[in-house]
Amino acid sequence: MKKISELKERKIIRRATRNFDSEGKRIYNEFEYDLPYNPTHKGNERERLYAKVIDLIPFFLIFHYGFNKIIIVSLFFSIVSVLIYGTISESIFGTTLGKKLFKLKVIDDFGNYPKILKSMFRNILSFANFFPVFEDIVSDPNSSYEASKTTMHFSMHMNNKLCKTYIVKESKIPEIVKLLNHKTLD
């Protein structure tokens, strides 16, 4: 049985040379590489962060307004509730309410929804992902805006790397199933 982590994707990369043909067009060298297949999409950290917050809000409102708990207690109970809800929901449906709004699914290395223990472990680790990562960006000297800046984003990959799970767009699942050569998800 194939795994997503074992899949390869053939890429052709064209690199310009210093040479030109008789018509004055640049000559390119082509190189073929077998790169690891990446089922995720670029910039999914923000969607995943928003999905987690969307999952958290209803529980927070229930505990704060429904049970009249103070904010910190409501937040704690809602975090615990999201861990339990996410574990069960991802194991059965492959998604949560927040992920469903962004059309995201959680799959394991075989293309199936994660088992309950793996889902529980990745959900517990997901809250460790909320620590920000700072990155310095130095702009081109010819640019007209500021010379450099520091950006902040959240790295949302540790839990998936440790649990060998992937967050993919729902539209990407048929491609993954085809690459794995077997029927997995419904």
C-alpha atoms as a PDB file:
ATOM      1  CA  MET A   1       0.000   0.000   0.000  1.00  0.00           C
ATOM      2  CA  LYS A   2       1.413   3.388  -1.004  1.00  0.00           C
ATOM      3  CA  LYS A   3       1.838   6.307   1.341  1.00  0.00           C
ATOM      4  CA  ILE A   4       1.537  10.001   0.558  1.00  0.00           C
ATOM      5  CA  SER A   5       5.012  10.554   2.031  1.00  0.00           C
ATOM      6  CA  GLU A   6       6.443   8.128  -0.561  1.00  0.00           C
ATOM      7  CA  LEU A   7       4.834   9.769  -3.607  1.00  0.00           C
ATOM      8  CA  LYS A   8       7.061  11.629  -6.048  1.00  0.00           C
ATOM      9  CA  GLU A   9       6.206  14.360  -8.501  1.00  0.00           C
ATOM     10  CA  ARG A  10       8.225  14.856 -11.703  1.00  0.00           C
ATOM     11  CA  LYS A  11       9.139  18.501 -12.269  1.00  0.00           C
ATOM     12  CA  ILE A  12      10.924  20.017 -15.247  1.00  0.00           C
ATOM     13  CA  ILE A  13      12.920  23.100 -14.407  1.00  0.00           C
ATOM     14  CA  ARG A  14      14.219  25.392 -17.128  1.00  0.00           C
ATOM     15  CA  ARG A  15      17.353  27.404 -16.410  1.00  0.00           C
ATOM     16  CA  ALA A  16      18.629  30.151 -18.661  1.00  0.00           C
ATOM     17  CA  THR A  17      22.116  29.862 -20.086  1.00  0.00           C
ATOM     18  CA  ARG A  18      24.368  32.663 -21.324  1.00  0.00           C
ATOM     19  CA  ASN A  19      23.984  31.428 -24.896  1.00  0.00           C
ATOM     20  CA  PHE A  20      21.586  32.605 -27.613  1.00  0.00           C
ATOM     21  CA  ASP A  21      20.439  30.897 -30.810  1.00  0.00           C
ATOM     22  CA  SER A  22      20.731  32.331 -34.346  1.00  0.00           C
ATOM     23  CA  GLU A  23      17.465  34.274 -33.890  1.00  0.00           C
ATOM     24  CA  GLY A  24      18.705  35.939 -30.716  1.00  0.00           C
ATOM     25  CA  LYS A  25      16.516  33.899 -28.348  1.00  0.00           C
ATOM     26  CA  ARG A  26      18.002  32.694 -25.092  1.00  0.00           C
ATOM     27  CA  ILE A  27      18.842  29.007 -24.853  1.00  0.00           C
ATOM     28  CA  TYR A  28      17.525  27.153 -21.803  1.00  0.00           C
ATOM     29  CA  ASN A  29      18.676  23.919 -20.224  1.00  0.00           C
ATOM     30  CA  GLU A  30      15.973  21.620 -18.921  1.00  0.00           C
ATOM     31  CA  PHE A  31      16.455  19.500 -15.816  1.00  0.00           C
ATOM     32  CA  GLU A  32      14.034  16.830 -14.580  1.00  0.00           C
ATOM     33  CA  TYR A  33      13.659  16.179 -10.881  1.00  0.00           C
ATOM     34  CA  ASP A  34      11.571  13.759  -8.862  1.00  0.00           C
ATOM     35  CA  LEU A  35      10.441  15.883  -5.939  1.00  0.00           C
ATOM     36  CA  PRO A  36       8.362  14.748  -2.951  1.00  0.00           C
ATOM     37  CA  TYR A  37       4.633  15.184  -3.594  1.00  0.00           C
ATOM     38  CA  ASN A  38       3.125  17.974  -1.506  1.00  0.00           C
ATOM     39  CA  PRO A  39      -0.667  17.590  -1.115  1.00  0.00           C
ATOM     40  CA  THR A  40      -1.084  20.797   0.888  1.00  0.00           C
ATOM     41  CA  HIS A  41      -1.587  24.234  -0.591  1.00  0.00           C
ATOM     42  CA  LYS A  42       0.490  27.338  -0.101  1.00  0.00           C
ATOM     43  CA  GLY A  43      -0.640  29.681   2.637  1.00  0.00           C
ATOM     44  CA  ASN A  44      -2.839  27.194   4.456  1.00  0.00           C
ATOM     45  CA  GLU A  45      -1.577  28.331   7.873  1.00  0.00           C
ATOM     46  CA  ARG A  46      -3.922  31.312   7.958  1.00  0.00           C
ATOM     47  CA  GLU A  47      -6.932  29.201   6.949  1.00  0.00           C
ATOM     48  CA  ARG A  48      -6.100  26.655   9.620  1.00  0.00           C
ATOM     49  CA  LEU A  49      -5.706  29.346  12.264  1.00  0.00           C
ATOM     50  CA  TYR A  50      -9.066  30.872  11.342  1.00  0.00           C
ATOM     51  CA  ALA A  51     -10.671  27.415  11.290  1.00  0.00           C
ATOM     52  CA  LYS A  52      -9.438  26.739  14.837  1.00  0.00           C
ATOM     53  CA  VAL A  53     -10.800  30.096  16.033  1.00  0.00           C
ATOM     54  CA  ILE A  54     -14.154  29.386  14.327  1.00  0.00           C
ATOM     55  CA  ASP A  55     -14.297  26.034  16.147  1.00  0.00           C
ATOM     56  CA  LEU A  56     -13.478  27.768  19.437  1.00  0.00           C
ATOM     57  CA  ILE A  57     -16.038  30.618  19.302  1.00  0.00           C
ATOM     58  CA  PRO A  58     -19.286  28.598  19.771  1.00  0.00           C
ATOM     59  CA  PHE A  59     -17.889  26.757  22.784  1.00  0.00           C
ATOM     60  CA  PHE A  60     -16.600  30.000  24.293  1.00  0.00           C
ATOM     61  CA  LEU A  61     -20.018  31.639  23.859  1.00  0.00           C
ATOM     62  CA  ILE A  62     -21.799  28.647  25.401  1.00  0.00           C
ATOM     63  CA  PHE A  63     -19.559  28.595  28.461  1.00  0.00           C
ATOM     64  CA  HIS A  64     -19.427  32.366  28.893  1.00  0.00           C
ATOM     65  CA  TYR A  65     -23.066  33.273  28.271  1.00  0.00           C
ATOM     66  CA  GLY A  66     -24.823  29.921  28.711  1.00  0.00           C
ATOM     67  CA  PHE A  67     -23.098  28.843  31.910  1.00  0.00           C
ATOM     68  CA  ASN A  68     -22.084  32.352  33.107  1.00  0.00           C
ATOM     69  CA  LYS A  69     -18.389  31.463  33.512  1.00  0.00           C
ATOM     70  CA  ILE A  70     -15.708  34.140  33.642  1.00  0.00           C
ATOM     71  CA  ILE A  71     -13.713  34.715  30.445  1.00  0.00           C
ATOM     72  CA  ILE A  72     -10.573  32.768  31.400  1.00  0.00           C
ATOM     73  CA  VAL A  73     -12.590  29.754  32.587  1.00  0.00           C
ATOM     74  CA  SER A  74     -14.758  29.902  29.464  1.00  0.00           C
ATOM     75  CA  LEU A  75     -11.639  30.007  27.308  1.00  0.00           C
ATOM     76  CA  PHE A  76     -10.092  27.037  29.098  1.00  0.00           C
ATOM     77  CA  PHE A  77     -13.275  24.943  28.853  1.00  0.00           C
ATOM     78  CA  SER A  78     -13.716  25.877  25.195  1.00  0.00           C
ATOM     79  CA  ILE A  79     -10.133  24.808  24.389  1.00  0.00           C
ATOM     80  CA  VAL A  80     -10.742  21.433  26.039  1.00  0.00           C
ATOM     81  CA  SER A  81     -14.061  21.130  24.191  1.00  0.00           C
ATOM     82  CA  VAL A  82     -12.423  21.929  20.831  1.00  0.00           C
ATOM     83  CA  LEU A  83      -9.805  19.248  21.490  1.00  0.00           C
ATOM     84  CA  ILE A  84     -12.512  16.650  22.117  1.00  0.00           C
ATOM     85  CA  TYR A  85     -14.767  17.880  19.297  1.00  0.00           C
ATOM     86  CA  GLY A  86     -11.860  18.056  16.808  1.00  0.00           C
ATOM     87  CA  THR A  87     -10.666  14.570  17.705  1.00  0.00           C
ATOM     88  CA  ILE A  88     -14.059  12.972  17.154  1.00  0.00           C
ATOM     89  CA  SER A  89     -15.066  15.048  14.146  1.00  0.00           C
ATOM     90  CA  GLU A  90     -11.786  14.569  12.262  1.00  0.00           C
ATOM     91  CA  SER A  91     -11.846  10.813  12.880  1.00  0.00           C
ATOM     92  CA  ILE A  92     -15.389  10.433  11.556  1.00  0.00           C
ATOM     93  CA  PHE A  93     -15.764  13.196   8.946  1.00  0.00           C
ATOM     94  CA  GLY A  94     -12.179  14.300   8.321  1.00  0.00           C
ATOM     95  CA  THR A  95     -13.089  17.885   9.146  1.00  0.00           C
ATOM     96  CA  THR A  96     -14.503  20.267  11.750  1.00  0.00           C
ATOM     97  CA  LEU A  97     -16.914  23.164  11.317  1.00  0.00           C
ATOM     98  CA  GLY A  98     -14.073  25.646  10.829  1.00  0.00           C
ATOM     99  CA  LYS A  99     -12.230  23.410   8.369  1.00  0.00           C
ATOM    100  CA  LYS A 100     -15.485  22.721   6.509  1.00  0.00           C
ATOM    101  CA  LEU A 101     -15.959  26.464   5.909  1.00  0.00           C
ATOM    102  CA  PHE A 102     -12.507  26.563   4.281  1.00  0.00           C
ATOM    103  CA  LYS A 103     -13.104  23.226   2.472  1.00  0.00           C
ATOM    104  CA  LEU A 104     -10.231  21.488   4.274  1.00  0.00           C
ATOM    105  CA  LYS A 105      -9.917  17.805   5.185  1.00  0.00           C
ATOM    106  CA  VAL A 106      -7.517  15.957   7.468  1.00  0.00           C
ATOM    107  CA  ILE A 107      -6.040  12.750   6.053  1.00  0.00           C
ATOM    108  CA  ASP A 108      -3.334  10.403   7.235  1.00  0.00           C
ATOM    109  CA  ASP A 109      -0.354   9.102   5.251  1.00  0.00           C
ATOM    110  CA  PHE A 110      -2.541   6.439   3.585  1.00  0.00           C
ATOM    111  CA  GLY A 111      -5.213   8.911   2.453  1.00  0.00           C
ATOM    112  CA  ASN A 112      -7.762   7.973   5.135  1.00  0.00           C
ATOM    113  CA  TYR A 113      -9.249  10.044   7.919  1.00  0.00           C
ATOM    114  CA  PRO A 114      -6.996   9.740  10.990  1.00  0.00           C
ATOM    115  CA  LYS A 115      -7.785   7.197  13.674  1.00  0.00           C
ATOM    116  CA  ILE A 116      -9.074   8.516  16.994  1.00  0.00           C
ATOM    117  CA  LEU A 117      -5.725   8.374  18.881  1.00  0.00           C
ATOM    118  CA  LYS A 118      -3.778   9.999  16.045  1.00  0.00           C
ATOM    119  CA  SER A 119      -6.461  12.672  15.749  1.00  0.00           C
ATOM    120  CA  MET A 120      -6.346  13.287  19.504  1.00  0.00           C
ATOM    121  CA  PHE A 121      -2.555  13.636  19.453  1.00  0.00           C
ATOM    122  CA  ARG A 122      -2.587  16.059  16.486  1.00  0.00           C
ATOM    123  CA  ASN A 123      -5.318  18.159  18.110  1.00  0.00           C
ATOM    124  CA  ILE A 124      -3.374  18.428  21.360  1.00  0.00           C
ATOM    125  CA  LEU A 125      -0.263  19.422  19.408  1.00  0.00           C
ATOM    126  CA  SER A 126      -2.235  21.957  17.346  1.00  0.00           C
ATOM    127  CA  PHE A 127      -2.362  24.363  20.282  1.00  0.00           C
ATOM    128  CA  ALA A 128       1.434  24.330  20.467  1.00  0.00           C
ATOM    129  CA  ASN A 129       1.353  25.659  16.890  1.00  0.00           C
ATOM    130  CA  PHE A 130      -0.057  28.997  18.023  1.00  0.00           C
ATOM    131  CA  PHE A 131       3.399  30.350  18.823  1.00  0.00           C
ATOM    132  CA  PRO A 132       4.310  32.972  16.225  1.00  0.00           C
ATOM    133  CA  VAL A 133       7.282  32.727  13.885  1.00  0.00           C
ATOM    134  CA  PHE A 134       9.056  35.965  12.963  1.00  0.00           C
ATOM    135  CA  GLU A 135      10.759  36.373   9.626  1.00  0.00           C
ATOM    136  CA  ASP A 136      12.929  39.243   8.372  1.00  0.00           C
ATOM    137  CA  ILE A 137      12.297  40.291   4.786  1.00  0.00           C
ATOM    138  CA  VAL A 138      14.879  42.391   3.003  1.00  0.00           C
ATOM    139  CA  SER A 139      13.532  44.079  -0.108  1.00  0.00           C
ATOM    140  CA  ASP A 140      15.250  44.750  -3.405  1.00  0.00           C
ATOM    141  CA  PRO A 141      17.446  47.876  -3.326  1.00  0.00           C
ATOM    142  CA  ASN A 142      15.523  49.316  -6.294  1.00  0.00           C
ATOM    143  CA  SER A 143      12.117  49.056  -4.621  1.00  0.00           C
ATOM    144  CA  SER A 144      10.260  52.197  -3.647  1.00  0.00           C
ATOM    145  CA  TYR A 145       8.960  51.004  -0.276  1.00  0.00           C
ATOM    146  CA  GLU A 146      10.758  50.372   3.008  1.00  0.00           C
ATOM    147  CA  ALA A 147      14.088  48.590   2.863  1.00  0.00           C
ATOM    148  CA  SER A 148      13.297  45.711   5.218  1.00  0.00           C
ATOM    149  CA  LYS A 149      10.602  44.533   7.565  1.00  0.00           C
ATOM    150  CA  THR A 150       9.761  41.769   9.972  1.00  0.00           C
ATOM    151  CA  THR A 151       6.664  39.689   9.392  1.00  0.00           C
ATOM    152  CA  MET A 152       4.886  37.375  11.790  1.00  0.00           C
ATOM    153  CA  HIS A 153       2.992  34.218  10.909  1.00  0.00           C
ATOM    154  CA  PHE A 154       1.931  31.067  12.683  1.00  0.00           C
ATOM    155  CA  SER A 155       3.626  27.807  11.830  1.00  0.00           C
ATOM    156  CA  MET A 156       0.878  25.216  11.719  1.00  0.00           C
ATOM    157  CA  HIS A 157       2.882  22.171  10.611  1.00  0.00           C
ATOM    158  CA  MET A 158       4.426  20.560  13.693  1.00  0.00           C
ATOM    159  CA  ASN A 159       1.357  18.520  14.604  1.00  0.00           C
ATOM    160  CA  ASN A 160       0.995  17.189  11.067  1.00  0.00           C
ATOM    161  CA  LYS A 161       4.675  16.313  10.721  1.00  0.00           C
ATOM    162  CA  LEU A 162       4.721  14.375  13.995  1.00  0.00           C
ATOM    163  CA  CYS A 163       1.426  12.587  13.302  1.00  0.00           C
ATOM    164  CA  LYS A 164       2.044  12.086   9.558  1.00  0.00           C
ATOM    165  CA  THR A 165      -1.213  13.772   8.629  1.00  0.00           C
ATOM    166  CA  TYR A 166      -2.019  16.322   5.961  1.00  0.00           C
ATOM    167  CA  ILE A 167      -4.506  19.175   5.695  1.00  0.00           C
ATOM    168  CA  VAL A 168      -5.721  19.227   2.102  1.00  0.00           C
ATOM    169  CA  LYS A 169      -8.392  20.968   0.090  1.00  0.00           C
ATOM    170  CA  GLU A 170     -11.447  18.794  -0.544  1.00  0.00           C
ATOM    171  CA  SER A 171     -10.926  19.252  -4.292  1.00  0.00           C
ATOM    172  CA  LYS A 172      -7.439  17.681  -4.046  1.00  0.00           C
ATOM    173  CA  ILE A 173      -8.663  14.376  -2.559  1.00  0.00           C
ATOM    174  CA  PRO A 174      -9.533  12.691  -5.915  1.00  0.00           C
ATOM    175  CA  GLU A 175      -6.018  13.447  -7.172  1.00  0.00           C
ATOM    176  CA  ILE A 176      -4.482  11.964  -4.020  1.00  0.00           C
ATOM    177  CA  VAL A 177      -6.665   8.848  -4.253  1.00  0.00           C
ATOM    178  CA  LYS A 178      -5.645   8.409  -7.899  1.00  0.00           C
ATOM    179  CA  LEU A 179      -1.960   8.743  -7.013  1.00  0.00           C
ATOM    180  CA  LEU A 180      -2.329   6.216  -4.216  1.00  0.00           C
ATOM    181  CA  ASN A 181      -4.060   3.793  -6.649  1.00  0.00           C
ATOM    182  CA  HIS A 182      -6.701   2.679  -4.224  1.00  0.00           C
ATOM    183  CA  LYS A 183     -10.126   3.666  -2.960  1.00  0.00           C
ATOM    184  CA  THR A 184      -9.918   5.382   0.400  1.00  0.00           C
ATOM    185  CA  LEU A 185     -12.250   8.240   1.189  1.00  0.00           C
ATOM    186  CA  ASP A 186     -15.948   8.264   0.359  1.00  0.00           C
END
